[in-house]
Protein backbone atom coordinates (compact mmCIF):
# COMPACT_ATOMS: atom_id res chain seq x y z
CA MET A 1 0.50 -4.38 -4.28
CA LEU A 2 1.63 -7.92 -4.65
CA GLN A 3 3.69 -6.15 -7.35
CA ARG A 4 5.20 -3.36 -5.83
CA LYS A 5 5.02 -0.90 -9.29
CA GLY A 6 6.14 2.37 -9.55
CA ARG A 7 7.80 4.10 -6.54
CA SER A 8 5.88 2.83 -3.75
CA ILE A 9 7.06 2.13 -0.02
CA LEU A 10 6.38 -1.26 -0.37
CA HIS A 11 9.71 -1.71 -1.52
CA GLU A 12 10.81 -1.36 1.93
CA LEU A 13 8.62 -4.15 2.78
CA THR A 14 9.90 -7.97 2.73
CA ASP A 15 7.78 -10.43 0.62
CA ASN A 16 6.43 -12.17 4.15
CA GLU A 17 5.81 -8.58 5.61
CA LEU A 18 3.62 -7.64 2.02
CA VAL A 19 2.04 -11.03 2.20
CA GLU A 20 0.65 -10.69 5.39
CA LEU A 21 -0.31 -6.35 5.10
CA VAL A 22 -2.31 -8.25 1.61
CA SER A 23 -3.83 -11.13 3.82
CA PHE A 24 -5.08 -8.72 6.73
CA MET A 25 -6.34 -5.81 4.02
CA LYS A 26 -8.31 -8.58 2.29
CA GLU A 27 -9.76 -9.95 5.45
CA ARG A 28 -10.81 -6.41 6.46
CA LEU A 29 -12.48 -5.58 3.43
CA GLY A 30 -14.35 -8.91 3.22
CA THR A 31 -15.90 -7.92 6.29
CA VAL A 32 -16.81 -4.77 4.93
CA GLN A 33 -17.69 -5.53 1.86
CA PRO A 34 -16.70 -7.79 -1.18
CA THR A 35 -14.53 -5.94 -3.38
CA VAL A 36 -14.83 -6.10 -7.13
CA GLN A 37 -12.49 -4.36 -8.26
CA PRO A 38 -8.52 -5.32 -7.77
CA ILE A 39 -6.88 -2.63 -5.43
CA GLU A 40 -4.99 -0.57 -7.27
CA GLU A 41 -1.32 1.40 -5.92
CA LYS A 42 -0.85 4.68 -6.65
CA ASP A 43 1.97 6.78 -6.49
CA ARG A 44 1.06 9.76 -3.65
CA TRP A 45 3.92 11.76 -2.25
CA THR A 46 4.41 15.06 -0.66
CA VAL A 47 6.94 16.95 -0.48
CA TRP A 48 8.21 19.20 2.22
CA VAL A 49 9.99 22.38 2.59
CA ALA A 50 11.51 23.51 5.86
CA GLU A 51 13.21 27.08 6.30
CA LYS A 52 15.16 28.27 9.45
CA GLN A 53 14.03 32.07 10.61
């Protein structure tokens, strides 16, 4: 996640904010179950269309 691949919203975070987020996620995931595979960032988008009536 630190690499900010793709069109990620992670680009909106500063380097320090991103490090803090990743540290938080590692801490939370480590208490539940040790991660075997790295977390993979995926580009997922939702498009909303509005129509005035």
